[in-house]
Amino acid sequence: MTNRLESVSARRLACARCGTEFTCDPSGACWCFEETVRLPLPSEGQESAFHDCLCRDCLHAFAATTAAR
């Protein structure tokens, strides 16, 4: 079976929270694969606060504020 992410190339993104540009590589070489911080996927019918990836700093900051609740 072919991993469909293998054919996806890296892309330049702007953080959905602060606008910082970074590279996202869904093939597994992305920095986020090394992170232990995870944000929950939105439930069905629930809109996500962010519509795309966050940079490393914003991911940590958002996870810290979410954990504090």
N, C-alpha and C. Protein backbone atom coordinates (compact mmCIF):
# COMPACT_ATOMS: atom_id res chain seq x y z
N MET A 1 0.85 -1.18 0.00
CA MET A 1 0.00 0.00 0.00
C MET A 1 0.90 1.24 0.00
N THR A 2 0.53 2.21 -0.78
CA THR A 2 1.30 3.43 -0.90
C THR A 2 0.88 4.44 0.14
N ASN A 3 1.85 5.09 0.78
CA ASN A 3 1.56 6.15 1.72
C ASN A 3 1.28 7.41 0.90
N ARG A 4 0.07 7.91 0.95
CA ARG A 4 -0.29 9.05 0.11
C ARG A 4 0.46 10.33 0.49
N LEU A 5 1.02 10.40 1.71
CA LEU A 5 1.78 11.58 2.11
C LEU A 5 3.17 11.61 1.49
N GLU A 6 3.66 10.46 1.01
CA GLU A 6 4.97 10.43 0.40
C GLU A 6 5.04 11.31 -0.84
N SER A 7 3.92 11.47 -1.55
CA SER A 7 3.91 12.25 -2.78
C SER A 7 3.63 13.73 -2.53
N VAL A 8 3.36 14.10 -1.29
CA VAL A 8 3.09 15.50 -0.97
C VAL A 8 4.41 16.19 -0.67
N SER A 9 4.66 17.30 -1.36
CA SER A 9 5.92 18.00 -1.15
C SER A 9 5.78 19.05 -0.04
N ALA A 10 6.91 19.49 0.45
CA ALA A 10 6.93 20.52 1.49
C ALA A 10 6.30 21.80 0.95
N ARG A 11 5.71 22.56 1.84
CA ARG A 11 5.08 23.81 1.44
C ARG A 11 5.42 24.90 2.43
N ARG A 12 5.46 26.13 1.95
CA ARG A 12 5.68 27.29 2.81
C ARG A 12 4.34 27.72 3.35
N LEU A 13 4.28 27.96 4.65
CA LEU A 13 3.06 28.38 5.31
C LEU A 13 3.30 29.64 6.11
N ALA A 14 2.24 30.34 6.40
CA ALA A 14 2.26 31.42 7.37
C ALA A 14 1.44 30.93 8.55
N CYS A 15 1.99 31.06 9.75
CA CYS A 15 1.30 30.62 10.96
C CYS A 15 -0.10 31.23 11.00
N ALA A 16 -1.09 30.40 11.28
CA ALA A 16 -2.48 30.85 11.33
C ALA A 16 -2.74 31.77 12.52
N ARG A 17 -1.80 31.84 13.46
CA ARG A 17 -1.98 32.67 14.65
C ARG A 17 -1.19 33.98 14.58
N CYS A 18 0.10 33.91 14.16
CA CYS A 18 0.95 35.11 14.20
C CYS A 18 1.48 35.55 12.85
N GLY A 19 1.37 34.70 11.84
CA GLY A 19 1.83 35.05 10.50
C GLY A 19 3.28 34.70 10.20
N THR A 20 4.02 34.14 11.17
CA THR A 20 5.40 33.74 10.93
C THR A 20 5.44 32.67 9.84
N GLU A 21 6.34 32.83 8.88
CA GLU A 21 6.47 31.85 7.81
C GLU A 21 7.35 30.69 8.24
N PHE A 22 6.97 29.48 7.82
CA PHE A 22 7.75 28.28 8.09
C PHE A 22 7.43 27.24 7.04
N THR A 23 8.18 26.15 7.03
CA THR A 23 7.97 25.08 6.06
C THR A 23 7.26 23.92 6.73
N CYS A 24 6.29 23.36 6.03
CA CYS A 24 5.55 22.19 6.49
C CYS A 24 5.84 21.06 5.52
N ASP A 25 6.24 19.90 6.04
CA ASP A 25 6.54 18.76 5.19
C ASP A 25 5.75 17.55 5.69
N PRO A 26 4.56 17.31 5.13
CA PRO A 26 3.71 16.22 5.60
C PRO A 26 4.29 14.82 5.39
N SER A 27 5.41 14.69 4.69
CA SER A 27 6.00 13.38 4.46
C SER A 27 6.64 12.81 5.72
N GLY A 28 6.76 13.62 6.76
CA GLY A 28 7.34 13.15 8.01
C GLY A 28 8.59 13.88 8.42
N ALA A 29 9.11 14.75 7.56
CA ALA A 29 10.32 15.49 7.87
C ALA A 29 10.01 16.83 8.52
N CYS A 30 8.79 17.08 8.88
CA CYS A 30 8.38 18.37 9.46
C CYS A 30 8.74 18.41 10.95
N TRP A 31 9.06 19.61 11.43
CA TRP A 31 9.42 19.79 12.84
C TRP A 31 8.29 19.34 13.77
N CYS A 32 7.05 19.44 13.33
CA CYS A 32 5.93 19.11 14.22
C CYS A 32 5.84 17.62 14.56
N PHE A 33 6.48 16.78 13.75
CA PHE A 33 6.49 15.35 14.04
C PHE A 33 7.31 15.06 15.29
N GLU A 34 8.21 15.97 15.65
CA GLU A 34 9.06 15.80 16.83
C GLU A 34 8.39 16.33 18.10
N GLU A 35 7.30 17.08 17.94
CA GLU A 35 6.64 17.72 19.07
C GLU A 35 5.80 16.74 19.89
N THR A 36 5.79 16.95 21.19
CA THR A 36 4.91 16.17 22.06
C THR A 36 3.59 16.90 22.28
N VAL A 37 3.58 18.19 21.97
CA VAL A 37 2.37 19.00 22.11
C VAL A 37 1.41 18.63 20.99
N ARG A 38 0.17 18.35 21.33
CA ARG A 38 -0.85 18.01 20.34
C ARG A 38 -2.09 18.83 20.65
N LEU A 39 -2.70 19.35 19.62
CA LEU A 39 -3.98 20.04 19.79
C LEU A 39 -5.08 19.07 19.38
N PRO A 40 -6.20 19.08 20.06
CA PRO A 40 -7.28 18.17 19.69
C PRO A 40 -7.90 18.56 18.36
N LEU A 41 -8.30 17.56 17.59
CA LEU A 41 -9.03 17.84 16.36
C LEU A 41 -10.43 18.31 16.75
N PRO A 42 -11.00 19.22 16.00
CA PRO A 42 -12.35 19.67 16.34
C PRO A 42 -13.34 18.53 16.18
N SER A 43 -14.34 18.52 17.03
CA SER A 43 -15.40 17.52 16.93
C SER A 43 -16.24 17.82 15.70
N GLU A 44 -16.98 16.84 15.26
CA GLU A 44 -17.84 17.03 14.11
C GLU A 44 -18.80 18.20 14.36
N GLY A 45 -18.87 19.11 13.43
CA GLY A 45 -19.73 20.27 13.57
C GLY A 45 -19.11 21.43 14.33
N GLN A 46 -17.96 21.20 14.95
CA GLN A 46 -17.27 22.24 15.71
C GLN A 46 -16.20 22.87 14.82
N GLU A 47 -16.17 24.19 14.76
CA GLU A 47 -15.18 24.87 13.94
C GLU A 47 -13.87 24.98 14.72
N SER A 48 -12.77 24.74 14.05
CA SER A 48 -11.45 24.88 14.66
C SER A 48 -11.10 26.35 14.82
N ALA A 49 -10.34 26.67 15.85
CA ALA A 49 -9.89 28.05 16.05
C ALA A 49 -8.90 28.47 14.96
N PHE A 50 -8.17 27.51 14.39
CA PHE A 50 -7.18 27.78 13.37
C PHE A 50 -7.44 26.88 12.17
N HIS A 51 -7.31 27.43 10.99
CA HIS A 51 -7.62 26.67 9.78
C HIS A 51 -6.41 26.05 9.12
N ASP A 52 -5.24 26.24 9.71
CA ASP A 52 -4.03 25.62 9.19
C ASP A 52 -3.01 25.53 10.32
N CYS A 53 -1.81 25.14 9.98
CA CYS A 53 -0.75 24.90 10.97
C CYS A 53 -0.34 26.16 11.73
N LEU A 54 0.18 25.92 12.92
CA LEU A 54 0.76 26.97 13.75
C LEU A 54 2.28 26.79 13.76
N CYS A 55 3.01 27.88 13.94
CA CYS A 55 4.46 27.77 14.10
C CYS A 55 4.74 27.14 15.48
N ARG A 56 5.98 26.76 15.69
CA ARG A 56 6.34 26.07 16.94
C ARG A 56 6.00 26.91 18.18
N ASP A 57 6.33 28.22 18.15
CA ASP A 57 6.07 29.08 19.31
C ASP A 57 4.58 29.20 19.60
N CYS A 58 3.78 29.39 18.56
CA CYS A 58 2.33 29.53 18.76
C CYS A 58 1.68 28.22 19.17
N LEU A 59 2.19 27.11 18.67
CA LEU A 59 1.68 25.80 19.08
C LEU A 59 1.87 25.63 20.58
N HIS A 60 3.06 25.96 21.08
CA HIS A 60 3.35 25.83 22.51
C HIS A 60 2.50 26.81 23.33
N ALA A 61 2.40 28.05 22.86
CA ALA A 61 1.62 29.06 23.59
C ALA A 61 0.14 28.69 23.65
N PHE A 62 -0.40 28.25 22.52
CA PHE A 62 -1.82 27.88 22.50
C PHE A 62 -2.09 26.64 23.36
N ALA A 63 -1.19 25.68 23.32
CA ALA A 63 -1.35 24.47 24.14
C ALA A 63 -1.28 24.83 25.62
N ALA A 64 -0.41 25.78 26.00
CA ALA A 64 -0.30 26.19 27.41
C ALA A 64 -1.57 26.87 27.88
N THR A 65 -2.17 27.72 27.06
CA THR A 65 -3.41 28.40 27.48
C THR A 65 -4.57 27.42 27.52
N THR A 66 -4.56 26.44 26.62
CA THR A 66 -5.63 25.44 26.61
C THR A 66 -5.53 24.54 27.83
N ALA A 67 -4.31 24.16 28.20
CA ALA A 67 -4.09 23.30 29.37
C ALA A 67 -4.46 24.02 30.66
N ALA A 68 -4.32 25.33 30.68
CA ALA A 68 -4.61 26.11 31.89
C ALA A 68 -6.12 26.21 32.17
N ARG A 69 -6.92 25.97 31.15
CA ARG A 69 -8.39 26.05 31.33
C ARG A 69 -8.95 24.92 32.08
